[in-house]
Amino acid sequence: VLAALPEAEADLVRVRNLPRLSSVHGVAAGDLAEAVAACRAHGHAAFPEDPQRRMAGVAVALIDRRGRPQGAIAVTSLAERLDPTRQAEVAALLTREARGIEEAKCCIVVWSQHS
């Protein structure tokens, strides 16, 4: 979701939350910036879920008709079941489903405005 925000807004969110992310989760500023850049480049987030790399996940932002992120859909699994090839397959499936959710939500909003 952070990567789906406009760059200036995402930077502000990162700056405000980095102290907590660093102290609780050990996230470095450069690592977070790289993760956001990779997510923007690929259109999805792919991440290890824990420090021991036993779990992994893929997520895709849900965008409203104004272009604002409203949430995300994700899949998590054992890391051995979500290698880079499988991550790309899951990301493609999640992207397709996210666009379907966005389209359906838009139709629901438009339909409800005419009721």
C-alpha atoms as a PDB file:
ATOM      1  CA  VAL A   1       0.000   0.000   0.000  1.00  0.00           C
ATOM      2  CA  LEU A   2       2.873   2.346   0.805  1.00  0.00           C
ATOM      3  CA  ALA A   3       4.295   1.942  -2.702  1.00  0.00           C
ATOM      4  CA  ALA A   4       0.885   2.768  -4.229  1.00  0.00           C
ATOM      5  CA  LEU A   5       0.822   6.187  -2.564  1.00  0.00           C
ATOM      6  CA  PRO A   6       2.145   9.236  -4.415  1.00  0.00           C
ATOM      7  CA  GLU A   7       5.904   9.467  -3.845  1.00  0.00           C
ATOM      8  CA  ALA A   8       5.820  12.561  -1.603  1.00  0.00           C
ATOM      9  CA  GLU A   9       3.108  11.055   0.590  1.00  0.00           C
ATOM     10  CA  ALA A  10       4.920   7.719   0.784  1.00  0.00           C
ATOM     11  CA  ASP A  11       8.116   9.524   1.809  1.00  0.00           C
ATOM     12  CA  LEU A  12       6.255  11.317   4.591  1.00  0.00           C
ATOM     13  CA  VAL A  13       4.749   8.049   5.868  1.00  0.00           C
ATOM     14  CA  ARG A  14       8.185   6.390   5.775  1.00  0.00           C
ATOM     15  CA  VAL A  15       9.844   9.234   7.691  1.00  0.00           C
ATOM     16  CA  ARG A  16       7.130   9.285  10.355  1.00  0.00           C
ATOM     17  CA  ASN A  17       7.124   5.514  10.854  1.00  0.00           C
ATOM     18  CA  LEU A  18      10.798   4.646  10.431  1.00  0.00           C
ATOM     19  CA  PRO A  19      11.760   5.126  14.098  1.00  0.00           C
ATOM     20  CA  ARG A  20       9.164   2.566  15.186  1.00  0.00           C
ATOM     21  CA  LEU A  21       9.922   0.191  12.312  1.00  0.00           C
ATOM     22  CA  SER A  22      13.617   0.397  13.131  1.00  0.00           C
ATOM     23  CA  SER A  23      13.273  -0.164  16.859  1.00  0.00           C
ATOM     24  CA  VAL A  24      10.617  -2.899  16.729  1.00  0.00           C
ATOM     25  CA  HIS A  25      11.417  -4.686  13.459  1.00  0.00           C
ATOM     26  CA  GLY A  26      15.007  -3.637  12.724  1.00  0.00           C
ATOM     27  CA  VAL A  27      14.075  -2.021   9.390  1.00  0.00           C
ATOM     28  CA  ALA A  28      16.745   0.292   7.970  1.00  0.00           C
ATOM     29  CA  ALA A  29      15.791   3.425   6.027  1.00  0.00           C
ATOM     30  CA  GLY A  30      17.598   2.253   2.904  1.00  0.00           C
ATOM     31  CA  ASP A  31      15.970  -1.177   3.047  1.00  0.00           C
ATOM     32  CA  LEU A  32      12.500   0.335   3.241  1.00  0.00           C
ATOM     33  CA  ALA A  33      13.198   2.728   0.362  1.00  0.00           C
ATOM     34  CA  GLU A  34      14.533  -0.177  -1.744  1.00  0.00           C
ATOM     35  CA  ALA A  35      11.480  -2.297  -0.954  1.00  0.00           C
ATOM     36  CA  VAL A  36       9.123   0.502  -2.019  1.00  0.00           C
ATOM     37  CA  ALA A  37      11.097   1.067  -5.229  1.00  0.00           C
ATOM     38  CA  ALA A  38      11.044  -2.672  -6.038  1.00  0.00           C
ATOM     39  CA  CYS A  39       7.319  -2.835  -5.374  1.00  0.00           C
ATOM     40  CA  ARG A  40       6.685   0.083  -7.718  1.00  0.00           C
ATOM     41  CA  ALA A  41       8.889  -1.467 -10.401  1.00  0.00           C
ATOM     42  CA  HIS A  42       7.218  -4.888 -10.211  1.00  0.00           C
ATOM     43  CA  GLY A  43       3.653  -3.809  -9.404  1.00  0.00           C
ATOM     44  CA  HIS A  44       3.527  -6.012  -6.309  1.00  0.00           C
ATOM     45  CA  ALA A  45       5.341  -6.640  -3.055  1.00  0.00           C
ATOM     46  CA  ALA A  46       7.190  -9.906  -2.540  1.00  0.00           C
ATOM     47  CA  PHE A  47       8.690 -10.359   0.872  1.00  0.00           C
ATOM     48  CA  PRO A  48      10.082 -12.774   3.408  1.00  0.00           C
ATOM     49  CA  GLU A  49       7.666 -12.968   6.317  1.00  0.00           C
ATOM     50  CA  ASP A  50      10.159 -13.673   9.077  1.00  0.00           C
ATOM     51  CA  PRO A  51      13.874 -13.279   9.799  1.00  0.00           C
ATOM     52  CA  GLN A  52      14.461 -17.037   9.516  1.00  0.00           C
ATOM     53  CA  ARG A  53      13.011 -16.954   5.964  1.00  0.00           C
ATOM     54  CA  ARG A  54      10.553 -19.756   6.719  1.00  0.00           C
ATOM     55  CA  MET A  55       7.584 -17.792   5.389  1.00  0.00           C
ATOM     56  CA  ALA A  56       7.184 -15.584   2.326  1.00  0.00           C
ATOM     57  CA  GLY A  57       4.405 -13.525   0.791  1.00  0.00           C
ATOM     58  CA  VAL A  58       3.180 -11.582  -2.198  1.00  0.00           C
ATOM     59  CA  ALA A  59       0.773  -8.625  -2.060  1.00  0.00           C
ATOM     60  CA  VAL A  60      -0.973  -6.329  -4.535  1.00  0.00           C
ATOM     61  CA  ALA A  61      -2.588  -3.002  -3.642  1.00  0.00           C
ATOM     62  CA  LEU A  62      -6.283  -2.342  -4.247  1.00  0.00           C
ATOM     63  CA  ILE A  63      -6.695   1.057  -5.888  1.00  0.00           C
ATOM     64  CA  ASP A  64      -9.896   3.104  -5.922  1.00  0.00           C
ATOM     65  CA  ARG A  65     -11.175   4.982  -8.950  1.00  0.00           C
ATOM     66  CA  ARG A  66      -9.311   8.117  -7.797  1.00  0.00           C
ATOM     67  CA  GLY A  67      -6.025   6.188  -7.921  1.00  0.00           C
ATOM     68  CA  ARG A  68      -5.686   5.930  -4.124  1.00  0.00           C
ATOM     69  CA  PRO A  69      -4.742   2.686  -2.379  1.00  0.00           C
ATOM     70  CA  GLN A  70      -7.570   1.319  -0.228  1.00  0.00           C
ATOM     71  CA  GLY A  71      -6.016  -1.933   0.953  1.00  0.00           C
ATOM     72  CA  ALA A  72      -4.289  -4.979  -0.443  1.00  0.00           C
ATOM     73  CA  ILE A  73      -4.753  -8.652  -1.109  1.00  0.00           C
ATOM     74  CA  ALA A  74      -1.961 -11.058  -0.260  1.00  0.00           C
ATOM     75  CA  VAL A  75      -0.873 -14.669  -0.177  1.00  0.00           C
ATOM     76  CA  THR A  76       1.564 -16.031   2.382  1.00  0.00           C
ATOM     77  CA  SER A  77       3.135 -19.462   2.361  1.00  0.00           C
ATOM     78  CA  LEU A  78       6.122 -21.481   3.420  1.00  0.00           C
ATOM     79  CA  ALA A  79       9.159 -19.947   1.731  1.00  0.00           C
ATOM     80  CA  GLU A  80      10.007 -23.182  -0.079  1.00  0.00           C
ATOM     81  CA  ARG A  81       6.595 -23.077  -1.775  1.00  0.00           C
ATOM     82  CA  LEU A  82       6.933 -19.457  -2.838  1.00  0.00           C
ATOM     83  CA  ASP A  83      10.212 -19.324  -4.750  1.00  0.00           C
ATOM     84  CA  PRO A  84      10.778 -16.436  -7.197  1.00  0.00           C
ATOM     85  CA  THR A  85       9.069 -18.273 -10.084  1.00  0.00           C
ATOM     86  CA  ARG A  86       6.008 -19.044  -7.978  1.00  0.00           C
ATOM     87  CA  GLN A  87       6.010 -15.503  -6.571  1.00  0.00           C
ATOM     88  CA  ALA A  88       5.685 -14.157 -10.134  1.00  0.00           C
ATOM     89  CA  GLU A  89       2.800 -16.568 -10.852  1.00  0.00           C
ATOM     90  CA  VAL A  90       1.002 -15.636  -7.634  1.00  0.00           C
ATOM     91  CA  ALA A  91       1.609 -11.921  -8.270  1.00  0.00           C
ATOM     92  CA  ALA A  92      -0.015 -12.233 -11.703  1.00  0.00           C
ATOM     93  CA  LEU A  93      -3.037 -14.011 -10.196  1.00  0.00           C
ATOM     94  CA  LEU A  94      -3.348 -11.467  -7.389  1.00  0.00           C
ATOM     95  CA  THR A  95      -3.062  -8.586  -9.858  1.00  0.00           C
ATOM     96  CA  ARG A  96      -5.859 -10.026 -11.988  1.00  0.00           C
ATOM     97  CA  GLU A  97      -8.068 -10.506  -8.920  1.00  0.00           C
ATOM     98  CA  ALA A  98      -7.231  -7.038  -7.561  1.00  0.00           C
ATOM     99  CA  ARG A  99      -8.291  -5.414 -10.821  1.00  0.00           C
ATOM    100  CA  GLY A 100     -11.517  -7.446 -10.723  1.00  0.00           C
ATOM    101  CA  ILE A 101     -12.219  -6.323  -7.158  1.00  0.00           C
ATOM    102  CA  GLU A 102     -11.521  -2.721  -8.113  1.00  0.00           C
ATOM    103  CA  GLU A 103     -13.845  -2.949 -11.099  1.00  0.00           C
ATOM    104  CA  ALA A 104     -16.621  -4.588  -9.078  1.00  0.00           C
ATOM    105  CA  LYS A 105     -16.240  -2.067  -6.257  1.00  0.00           C
ATOM    106  CA  CYS A 106     -16.409   0.802  -8.743  1.00  0.00           C
ATOM    107  CA  CYS A 107     -19.581  -0.632 -10.220  1.00  0.00           C
ATOM    108  CA  ILE A 108     -21.098  -1.049  -6.771  1.00  0.00           C
ATOM    109  CA  VAL A 109     -20.262   2.554  -5.852  1.00  0.00           C
ATOM    110  CA  VAL A 110     -21.619   3.882  -9.148  1.00  0.00           C
ATOM    111  CA  TRP A 111     -24.747   1.708  -8.894  1.00  0.00           C
ATOM    112  CA  SER A 112     -25.451   2.773  -5.305  1.00  0.00           C
ATOM    113  CA  GLN A 113     -25.212   6.440  -6.266  1.00  0.00           C
ATOM    114  CA  HIS A 114     -28.068   5.929  -8.723  1.00  0.00           C
ATOM    115  CA  SER A 115     -30.371   4.186  -6.257  1.00  0.00           C
END
